[in-house]
N, C-alpha and C. Protein backbone atom coordinates (compact mmCIF):
# COMPACT_ATOMS: atom_id res chain seq x y z
N UNK A 1 3.03 57.85 22.65
CA UNK A 1 2.35 56.93 21.57
C UNK A 1 1.89 55.86 22.17
N UNK A 2 0.93 55.23 21.69
CA UNK A 2 0.23 53.96 22.32
C UNK A 2 -1.07 54.19 22.66
N UNK A 3 -1.60 55.56 22.42
CA UNK A 3 -3.11 55.65 22.70
C UNK A 3 -4.05 54.76 21.74
N UNK A 4 -5.10 54.45 22.16
CA UNK A 4 -6.10 53.81 21.38
C UNK A 4 -6.33 54.31 20.06
N UNK A 5 -6.59 55.72 20.22
CA UNK A 5 -6.80 56.46 18.87
C UNK A 5 -5.53 56.23 17.89
N UNK A 6 -4.22 56.40 18.48
CA UNK A 6 -3.13 56.14 17.58
C UNK A 6 -3.14 54.86 16.92
N UNK A 7 -3.42 53.94 17.64
CA UNK A 7 -3.36 52.42 17.18
C UNK A 7 -4.43 52.21 16.12
N UNK A 8 -5.75 52.89 16.30
CA UNK A 8 -6.72 52.70 15.34
C UNK A 8 -6.18 53.57 13.99
N UNK A 9 -5.52 54.75 14.23
CA UNK A 9 -5.11 55.37 13.03
C UNK A 9 -3.99 54.62 12.27
N UNK A 10 -3.03 53.94 12.97
CA UNK A 10 -2.09 53.10 12.30
C UNK A 10 -2.69 51.83 11.67
N UNK A 11 -3.69 51.33 12.32
CA UNK A 11 -4.45 50.20 11.56
C UNK A 11 -5.10 50.63 10.42
N UNK A 12 -5.73 51.85 10.39
CA UNK A 12 -6.40 52.39 9.12
C UNK A 12 -5.39 52.69 8.04
N UNK A 13 -4.50 53.40 8.33
CA UNK A 13 -3.42 53.94 7.18
C UNK A 13 -2.57 52.78 6.68
N UNK A 14 -2.61 51.72 7.37
CA UNK A 14 -1.75 50.46 6.96
C UNK A 14 -2.54 49.60 5.90
N UNK A 15 -3.72 49.99 5.59
CA UNK A 15 -4.51 49.41 4.66
C UNK A 15 -4.69 50.37 3.46
N UNK A 16 -5.47 49.81 2.40
CA UNK A 16 -5.73 50.60 1.37
C UNK A 16 -6.40 51.93 1.74
N UNK A 17 -5.99 52.92 1.23
CA UNK A 17 -6.73 54.18 1.54
C UNK A 17 -7.83 54.40 0.54
N UNK A 18 -8.94 54.87 0.79
CA UNK A 18 -10.10 54.96 -0.03
C UNK A 18 -9.81 55.83 -1.18
N UNK A 19 -10.30 55.33 -2.49
CA UNK A 19 -10.09 56.28 -3.74
C UNK A 19 -11.35 57.18 -3.74
N UNK A 20 -11.26 58.21 -3.01
CA UNK A 20 -12.24 59.26 -3.00
C UNK A 20 -11.61 60.62 -3.08
N UNK A 21 -12.42 61.56 -3.38
CA UNK A 21 -12.02 63.00 -3.35
C UNK A 21 -11.26 63.40 -2.22
N UNK A 22 -11.63 63.09 -1.01
CA UNK A 22 -11.12 63.37 0.26
C UNK A 22 -10.84 62.24 1.12
N UNK A 23 -9.86 61.45 0.83
CA UNK A 23 -9.44 60.19 1.44
C UNK A 23 -9.21 60.49 2.85
N UNK A 24 -8.62 61.41 3.46
CA UNK A 24 -8.22 61.45 4.71
C UNK A 24 -9.26 62.09 5.63
N UNK A 25 -10.18 62.82 4.69
CA UNK A 25 -11.55 63.25 5.59
C UNK A 25 -12.41 62.12 5.79
N UNK A 26 -12.43 61.06 4.87
CA UNK A 26 -13.10 59.89 5.01
C UNK A 26 -12.63 58.86 6.10
N UNK A 27 -11.45 58.97 6.21
CA UNK A 27 -10.73 58.13 7.27
C UNK A 27 -11.09 58.83 8.69
N UNK A 28 -10.73 60.11 8.64
CA UNK A 28 -11.21 60.76 10.01
C UNK A 28 -12.63 60.60 10.38
N UNK A 29 -13.55 60.79 9.42
CA UNK A 29 -14.88 60.42 9.72
C UNK A 29 -15.12 59.06 10.28
N UNK A 30 -14.37 58.05 9.67
CA UNK A 30 -14.57 56.55 10.30
C UNK A 30 -13.96 56.56 11.76
N UNK A 31 -13.14 57.33 12.02
CA UNK A 31 -12.51 57.39 13.41
C UNK A 31 -13.21 58.30 14.41
N UNK A 32 -14.12 59.04 13.87
CA UNK A 32 -14.96 60.13 14.60
C UNK A 32 -14.12 61.11 15.06
N UNK A 33 -13.12 61.73 14.22
CA UNK A 33 -12.27 62.88 14.56
C UNK A 33 -12.25 63.77 13.43
N UNK A 34 -11.74 65.01 13.60
CA UNK A 34 -11.59 65.92 12.43
C UNK A 34 -10.34 65.43 11.48
N UNK A 35 -10.57 65.63 10.27
CA UNK A 35 -9.49 65.53 9.29
C UNK A 35 -8.00 66.10 9.72
N UNK A 36 -8.13 67.39 10.12
CA UNK A 36 -6.86 68.06 10.65
C UNK A 36 -6.13 67.31 11.78
N UNK A 37 -7.02 66.75 12.66
CA UNK A 37 -6.40 66.10 13.87
C UNK A 37 -5.70 64.74 13.22
N UNK A 38 -6.31 64.05 12.15
CA UNK A 38 -5.75 62.89 11.74
C UNK A 38 -4.47 63.14 11.13
N UNK A 39 -4.38 64.22 10.24
CA UNK A 39 -3.15 64.64 9.65
C UNK A 39 -1.92 65.11 10.57
N UNK A 40 -2.59 65.71 11.73
CA UNK A 40 -1.56 66.12 12.67
C UNK A 40 -0.96 64.77 13.25
N UNK A 41 -1.71 63.85 13.63
CA UNK A 41 -1.17 62.62 14.19
C UNK A 41 -0.27 61.86 13.22
N UNK A 42 -0.78 61.72 11.93
CA UNK A 42 0.22 61.13 10.97
C UNK A 42 1.67 62.00 10.85
N UNK A 43 1.43 63.28 10.94
CA UNK A 43 2.76 64.11 10.97
C UNK A 43 3.64 63.73 12.11
N UNK A 44 3.13 63.61 13.21
CA UNK A 44 3.67 63.19 14.57
C UNK A 44 4.50 62.00 14.33
N UNK A 45 3.68 60.90 13.91
CA UNK A 45 4.31 59.63 13.64
C UNK A 45 5.61 59.68 12.89
N UNK A 46 5.57 60.60 11.77
CA UNK A 46 6.73 60.71 10.95
C UNK A 46 7.79 61.45 11.85
N UNK A 47 7.50 62.50 12.34
CA UNK A 47 8.31 63.30 13.20
C UNK A 47 9.15 62.58 14.40
N UNK A 48 8.30 61.65 14.99
CA UNK A 48 8.85 60.82 16.07
C UNK A 48 9.57 59.71 15.63
N UNK A 49 9.79 59.36 14.30
CA UNK A 49 10.32 58.32 13.90
C UNK A 49 9.53 56.92 13.78
N UNK A 50 8.24 57.10 14.26
CA UNK A 50 7.34 55.98 14.27
C UNK A 50 7.08 55.41 12.92
N UNK A 51 6.93 56.37 11.91
CA UNK A 51 6.76 55.94 10.52
C UNK A 51 7.76 56.69 9.69
N UNK A 52 8.38 56.07 8.72
CA UNK A 52 9.26 56.55 7.72
C UNK A 52 8.48 57.39 6.78
N UNK A 53 7.52 56.67 6.02
CA UNK A 53 6.83 57.35 4.88
C UNK A 53 5.41 56.80 4.87
N UNK A 54 4.59 57.57 4.09
CA UNK A 54 3.28 57.26 3.78
C UNK A 54 3.23 57.45 2.22
N UNK A 55 2.92 56.33 1.62
CA UNK A 55 3.04 56.39 0.02
C UNK A 55 1.86 55.77 -0.54
N UNK A 56 1.81 55.89 -1.86
CA UNK A 56 0.74 55.34 -2.69
C UNK A 56 1.51 54.19 -3.50
N UNK A 57 1.01 53.11 -3.64
CA UNK A 57 1.67 52.13 -4.53
C UNK A 57 0.59 51.55 -5.60
N UNK A 58 0.85 51.70 -6.77
CA UNK A 58 0.03 51.48 -7.83
C UNK A 58 0.32 49.93 -8.23
N UNK A 59 -0.77 49.48 -8.57
CA UNK A 59 -0.77 48.02 -9.21
C UNK A 59 -0.33 48.21 -10.62
N UNK A 60 0.86 47.83 -10.86
CA UNK A 60 1.50 48.13 -11.96
C UNK A 60 0.79 47.33 -13.34
N UNK A 61 0.49 46.03 -12.81
CA UNK A 61 -0.09 45.37 -13.88
C UNK A 61 -1.49 45.65 -14.36
N UNK A 62 -2.17 46.24 -13.55
CA UNK A 62 -3.59 46.86 -13.76
C UNK A 62 -3.50 48.05 -14.77
N UNK A 63 -2.28 48.76 -14.66
CA UNK A 63 -2.32 49.92 -15.58
C UNK A 63 -1.38 49.80 -16.79
N UNK A 64 -1.21 48.40 -17.09
CA UNK A 64 -0.57 47.94 -18.34
C UNK A 64 1.04 47.59 -18.38
N UNK A 65 1.51 47.62 -17.16
CA UNK A 65 3.00 47.16 -17.05
C UNK A 65 2.92 45.55 -16.91
N UNK A 66 2.93 44.80 -17.75
CA UNK A 66 2.81 43.40 -17.77
C UNK A 66 3.99 42.59 -17.57
N UNK A 67 5.08 43.38 -17.99
CA UNK A 67 6.37 42.56 -17.99
C UNK A 67 7.33 43.07 -16.80
N UNK A 68 7.53 42.33 -15.91
CA UNK A 68 8.52 42.61 -14.88
C UNK A 68 9.78 41.79 -15.00
N UNK A 69 10.95 42.49 -14.89
CA UNK A 69 12.10 41.68 -15.04
C UNK A 69 12.96 42.17 -13.85
N UNK A 70 13.37 41.02 -13.06
CA UNK A 70 14.46 41.21 -12.22
C UNK A 70 15.62 41.07 -12.85
N UNK A 71 16.49 42.04 -12.80
CA UNK A 71 17.83 41.99 -13.49
C UNK A 71 18.86 41.87 -12.52
N UNK A 72 19.75 40.74 -12.58
CA UNK A 72 20.79 40.53 -11.50
C UNK A 72 22.23 40.80 -12.34
N UNK A 73 22.83 41.73 -11.55
CA UNK A 73 24.08 42.22 -12.10
C UNK A 73 25.36 41.86 -11.34
N UNK A 74 26.44 41.51 -12.09
CA UNK A 74 27.80 41.24 -11.49
C UNK A 74 28.61 42.39 -11.56
N UNK A 75 28.54 43.41 -10.61
CA UNK A 75 29.19 44.53 -10.57
C UNK A 75 30.44 44.63 -9.76
N UNK A 76 31.60 44.98 -10.22
CA UNK A 76 32.72 45.24 -9.41
C UNK A 76 32.45 46.06 -8.10
N UNK A 77 32.82 45.69 -7.07
CA UNK A 77 32.64 46.49 -5.78
C UNK A 77 32.78 48.04 -5.94
N UNK A 78 33.88 48.27 -6.60
CA UNK A 78 34.21 49.72 -6.75
C UNK A 78 33.20 50.54 -7.51
N UNK A 79 32.32 49.85 -8.44
CA UNK A 79 31.39 50.54 -9.25
C UNK A 79 29.93 50.32 -8.59
N UNK A 80 29.71 49.67 -7.60
CA UNK A 80 28.42 49.50 -7.04
C UNK A 80 27.57 50.84 -6.91
N UNK A 81 28.14 51.80 -6.22
CA UNK A 81 27.45 52.95 -6.01
C UNK A 81 26.94 53.76 -7.44
N UNK A 82 28.11 53.68 -8.25
CA UNK A 82 27.65 54.41 -9.62
C UNK A 82 26.69 53.66 -10.33
N UNK A 83 26.97 52.36 -10.31
CA UNK A 83 25.81 51.48 -11.15
C UNK A 83 24.38 51.51 -10.46
N UNK A 84 24.37 51.57 -9.03
CA UNK A 84 23.06 51.61 -8.44
C UNK A 84 22.57 53.02 -8.74
N UNK A 85 23.18 54.17 -8.73
CA UNK A 85 22.58 55.30 -8.96
C UNK A 85 22.18 55.55 -10.38
N UNK A 86 22.90 54.81 -11.41
CA UNK A 86 22.49 54.90 -12.82
C UNK A 86 21.13 54.27 -13.03
N UNK A 87 21.24 52.87 -12.35
CA UNK A 87 19.95 52.12 -12.55
C UNK A 87 18.63 52.82 -12.06
N UNK A 88 18.78 53.28 -10.66
CA UNK A 88 17.58 54.02 -10.11
C UNK A 88 17.20 55.13 -10.74
N UNK A 89 18.10 55.65 -11.63
CA UNK A 89 17.72 57.00 -12.38
C UNK A 89 16.74 56.68 -13.52
N UNK A 90 16.43 55.49 -13.63
CA UNK A 90 15.39 55.07 -14.90
C UNK A 90 13.99 55.03 -14.19
N UNK A 91 13.05 55.64 -14.76
CA UNK A 91 11.67 55.58 -14.49
C UNK A 91 11.15 54.07 -14.45
N UNK A 92 11.62 53.28 -15.21
CA UNK A 92 11.05 51.86 -15.31
C UNK A 92 11.66 51.09 -14.17
N UNK A 93 12.70 51.63 -13.42
CA UNK A 93 13.23 50.84 -12.23
C UNK A 93 12.38 51.14 -10.99
N UNK A 94 11.82 50.03 -10.44
CA UNK A 94 11.00 50.47 -9.24
C UNK A 94 11.82 50.25 -8.04
N UNK A 95 12.78 49.45 -7.99
CA UNK A 95 13.83 49.36 -6.88
C UNK A 95 15.00 48.69 -7.50
N UNK A 96 16.02 48.94 -6.59
CA UNK A 96 17.44 48.58 -6.91
C UNK A 96 18.06 48.29 -5.51
N UNK A 97 18.77 47.25 -5.35
CA UNK A 97 19.45 47.00 -4.10
C UNK A 97 20.64 46.07 -4.21
N UNK A 98 21.52 46.07 -3.35
CA UNK A 98 22.70 45.27 -3.30
C UNK A 98 22.64 44.14 -2.29
N UNK A 99 23.16 42.96 -2.78
CA UNK A 99 23.25 41.73 -1.90
C UNK A 99 24.60 41.30 -2.09
N UNK A 100 25.06 40.40 -1.03
CA UNK A 100 26.49 39.68 -1.11
C UNK A 100 26.37 38.75 -2.28
N UNK A 101 27.51 38.38 -3.04
CA UNK A 101 27.68 37.42 -3.77
C UNK A 101 27.70 36.06 -2.89
N UNK A 102 27.42 35.01 -3.47
CA UNK A 102 27.26 33.52 -2.90
C UNK A 102 28.04 32.60 -3.64
N UNK A 103 28.36 31.51 -3.02
CA UNK A 103 29.00 30.48 -3.90
C UNK A 103 28.05 29.97 -5.05
N UNK A 104 28.71 30.26 -6.16
CA UNK A 104 28.05 29.87 -7.46
C UNK A 104 26.97 31.00 -8.07
N UNK A 105 26.86 32.02 -7.19
CA UNK A 105 26.06 33.11 -7.61
C UNK A 105 26.71 34.39 -7.53
N UNK A 106 27.37 34.85 -8.72
CA UNK A 106 28.34 36.05 -8.48
C UNK A 106 27.38 37.29 -8.90
N UNK A 107 26.04 37.41 -8.63
CA UNK A 107 25.42 38.70 -8.89
C UNK A 107 25.31 39.32 -7.57
N UNK A 108 25.49 40.76 -7.47
CA UNK A 108 25.47 41.51 -6.34
C UNK A 108 24.61 42.74 -6.56
N UNK A 109 24.08 43.01 -7.48
CA UNK A 109 23.23 44.28 -7.56
C UNK A 109 21.93 43.91 -8.45
N UNK A 110 20.69 44.18 -7.91
CA UNK A 110 19.39 43.61 -8.43
C UNK A 110 18.56 45.08 -8.81
N UNK A 111 17.98 44.87 -9.88
CA UNK A 111 17.12 45.83 -10.17
C UNK A 111 15.82 45.29 -10.80
N UNK A 112 14.65 45.90 -10.43
CA UNK A 112 13.47 45.49 -10.93
C UNK A 112 12.93 46.37 -12.01
N UNK A 113 12.67 45.81 -13.07
CA UNK A 113 12.28 46.85 -14.33
C UNK A 113 10.88 46.47 -14.71
N UNK A 114 10.17 47.56 -14.87
CA UNK A 114 8.53 47.16 -15.40
C UNK A 114 8.62 47.71 -16.81
N UNK A 115 7.86 46.97 -17.64
CA UNK A 115 7.60 47.43 -19.04
C UNK A 115 6.25 46.92 -19.44
N UNK A 116 5.72 47.54 -20.55
CA UNK A 116 4.35 47.13 -21.05
C UNK A 116 4.60 45.93 -21.98
N UNK A 117 5.82 45.72 -22.53
CA UNK A 117 6.24 44.54 -23.39
C UNK A 117 7.50 44.10 -22.90
N UNK A 118 7.76 42.93 -23.40
CA UNK A 118 9.19 42.25 -23.12
C UNK A 118 10.24 42.95 -23.78
N UNK A 119 10.09 43.44 -25.17
CA UNK A 119 10.91 44.08 -25.91
C UNK A 119 11.17 45.62 -25.21
N UNK A 120 10.09 46.17 -24.59
CA UNK A 120 10.26 47.54 -23.90
C UNK A 120 11.42 47.25 -22.65
N UNK A 121 11.08 46.17 -21.90
CA UNK A 121 11.77 45.97 -20.72
C UNK A 121 13.29 45.61 -21.10
N UNK A 122 13.47 44.75 -22.16
CA UNK A 122 14.72 44.50 -22.61
C UNK A 122 15.54 45.78 -23.03
N UNK A 123 14.88 46.73 -23.59
CA UNK A 123 15.50 47.86 -24.17
C UNK A 123 15.90 48.78 -22.98
N UNK A 124 15.30 48.67 -21.94
CA UNK A 124 15.66 49.58 -20.74
C UNK A 124 16.98 48.88 -20.20
N UNK A 125 16.97 47.31 -19.98
CA UNK A 125 18.18 46.70 -19.56
C UNK A 125 19.48 46.99 -20.47
N UNK A 126 19.25 47.26 -21.73
CA UNK A 126 20.28 47.42 -22.71
C UNK A 126 20.76 48.82 -22.39
N UNK A 127 19.88 49.83 -22.09
CA UNK A 127 20.27 51.28 -21.94
C UNK A 127 21.05 51.27 -20.57
N UNK A 128 20.68 50.48 -19.49
CA UNK A 128 21.32 50.56 -18.22
C UNK A 128 22.71 49.91 -18.51
N UNK A 129 22.71 48.86 -19.24
CA UNK A 129 24.04 48.01 -19.50
C UNK A 129 25.04 49.02 -20.10
N UNK A 130 24.59 49.92 -21.00
CA UNK A 130 25.32 50.88 -21.82
C UNK A 130 25.89 51.99 -20.82
N UNK A 131 25.10 52.26 -19.91
CA UNK A 131 25.42 53.41 -19.04
C UNK A 131 26.44 52.79 -17.88
N UNK A 132 26.27 51.59 -17.42
CA UNK A 132 27.19 51.15 -16.40
C UNK A 132 28.48 50.45 -16.81
N UNK A 133 28.32 49.99 -18.04
CA UNK A 133 29.52 49.32 -18.59
C UNK A 133 29.04 48.07 -19.41
N UNK A 134 29.18 47.95 -20.84
CA UNK A 134 28.76 46.95 -21.57
C UNK A 134 29.44 45.45 -21.06
N UNK A 135 30.58 45.56 -20.57
CA UNK A 135 31.22 44.42 -19.94
C UNK A 135 30.53 43.77 -18.82
N UNK A 136 29.65 44.37 -18.12
CA UNK A 136 29.10 43.87 -16.79
C UNK A 136 28.16 42.80 -17.19
N UNK A 137 28.45 41.57 -16.55
CA UNK A 137 27.65 40.36 -16.65
C UNK A 137 26.32 40.78 -16.04
N UNK A 138 25.26 40.27 -16.66
CA UNK A 138 23.82 40.35 -16.11
C UNK A 138 22.96 39.14 -16.62
N UNK A 139 22.06 38.90 -16.02
CA UNK A 139 20.91 37.97 -16.27
C UNK A 139 19.45 38.72 -16.01
N UNK A 140 18.66 38.48 -17.01
CA UNK A 140 17.24 38.97 -17.04
C UNK A 140 16.27 37.82 -16.57
N UNK A 141 15.69 38.07 -15.56
CA UNK A 141 14.68 37.05 -15.05
C UNK A 141 13.16 37.55 -15.06
N UNK A 142 12.47 37.34 -15.93
CA UNK A 142 11.18 37.75 -16.16
C UNK A 142 10.26 36.92 -15.26
N UNK A 143 9.22 37.61 -14.51
CA UNK A 143 8.22 37.07 -13.78
C UNK A 143 7.24 36.40 -14.46
N UNK A 144 6.90 35.29 -13.82
CA UNK A 144 5.86 34.45 -14.76
C UNK A 144 4.38 34.48 -13.98
N UNK A 145 4.52 35.21 -12.86
CA UNK A 145 3.34 35.49 -12.15
C UNK A 145 3.41 36.18 -10.87
N UNK A 146 2.46 36.74 -10.09
CA UNK A 146 2.55 37.43 -8.96
C UNK A 146 1.85 36.61 -7.93
N UNK A 147 2.37 36.12 -7.08
CA UNK A 147 1.66 35.19 -6.00
C UNK A 147 1.22 36.06 -4.80
N UNK A 148 1.86 36.96 -4.34
CA UNK A 148 1.39 37.69 -3.07
C UNK A 148 2.31 39.08 -3.12
N UNK A 149 1.55 40.15 -2.92
CA UNK A 149 2.26 41.50 -2.86
C UNK A 149 1.33 42.35 -2.06
N UNK A 150 1.61 42.47 -0.74
CA UNK A 150 0.84 43.27 0.17
C UNK A 150 1.86 43.92 1.25
N UNK A 151 1.32 45.06 1.63
CA UNK A 151 2.25 45.73 2.69
C UNK A 151 1.92 45.18 4.14
N UNK A 152 2.55 45.63 5.11
CA UNK A 152 2.40 45.06 6.41
C UNK A 152 0.99 45.74 6.97
N UNK A 153 0.09 44.94 7.57
CA UNK A 153 -1.12 45.62 8.11
C UNK A 153 -1.10 45.35 9.61
N UNK A 154 -1.43 46.59 10.41
CA UNK A 154 -1.50 46.50 11.81
C UNK A 154 -2.73 46.59 12.41
N UNK A 155 -2.99 45.95 13.47
CA UNK A 155 -4.60 45.87 14.06
C UNK A 155 -4.46 46.45 15.45
N UNK A 156 -5.63 47.23 15.34
CA UNK A 156 -5.70 48.14 16.71
C UNK A 156 -6.22 47.18 17.83
């Protein structure tokens, strides 16, 4: 790893991929290589542990999911895995993670819920609460805006 071509490929795939019928062919054309070669190099990045995944991320606000709620949960340690699995099983939950409790902040499990309306988001919170235990303390923190959300970009 480390060839000039590999660096150019990494730089290109760390940015938005073109919304075309053949995005990898278009990227390969920009690099002056065949599409098959580009795909082989990307597969080798994954196989060699250089890259964990290549994925598409939708702009949820543009497709109608205007209400984002970070829900913080105070879950007993013995229930963390069960609660995390339950939360992550909901399609409306984009990510879920654990953090240590801190002085004055007793929340240790976090889930991001996306909904078209505030009511829809709160309904998901209620379903999750029912599944992990109605006595679990939680707070719902709705986003008031999005300041910056971009992935890492690498330059050749």
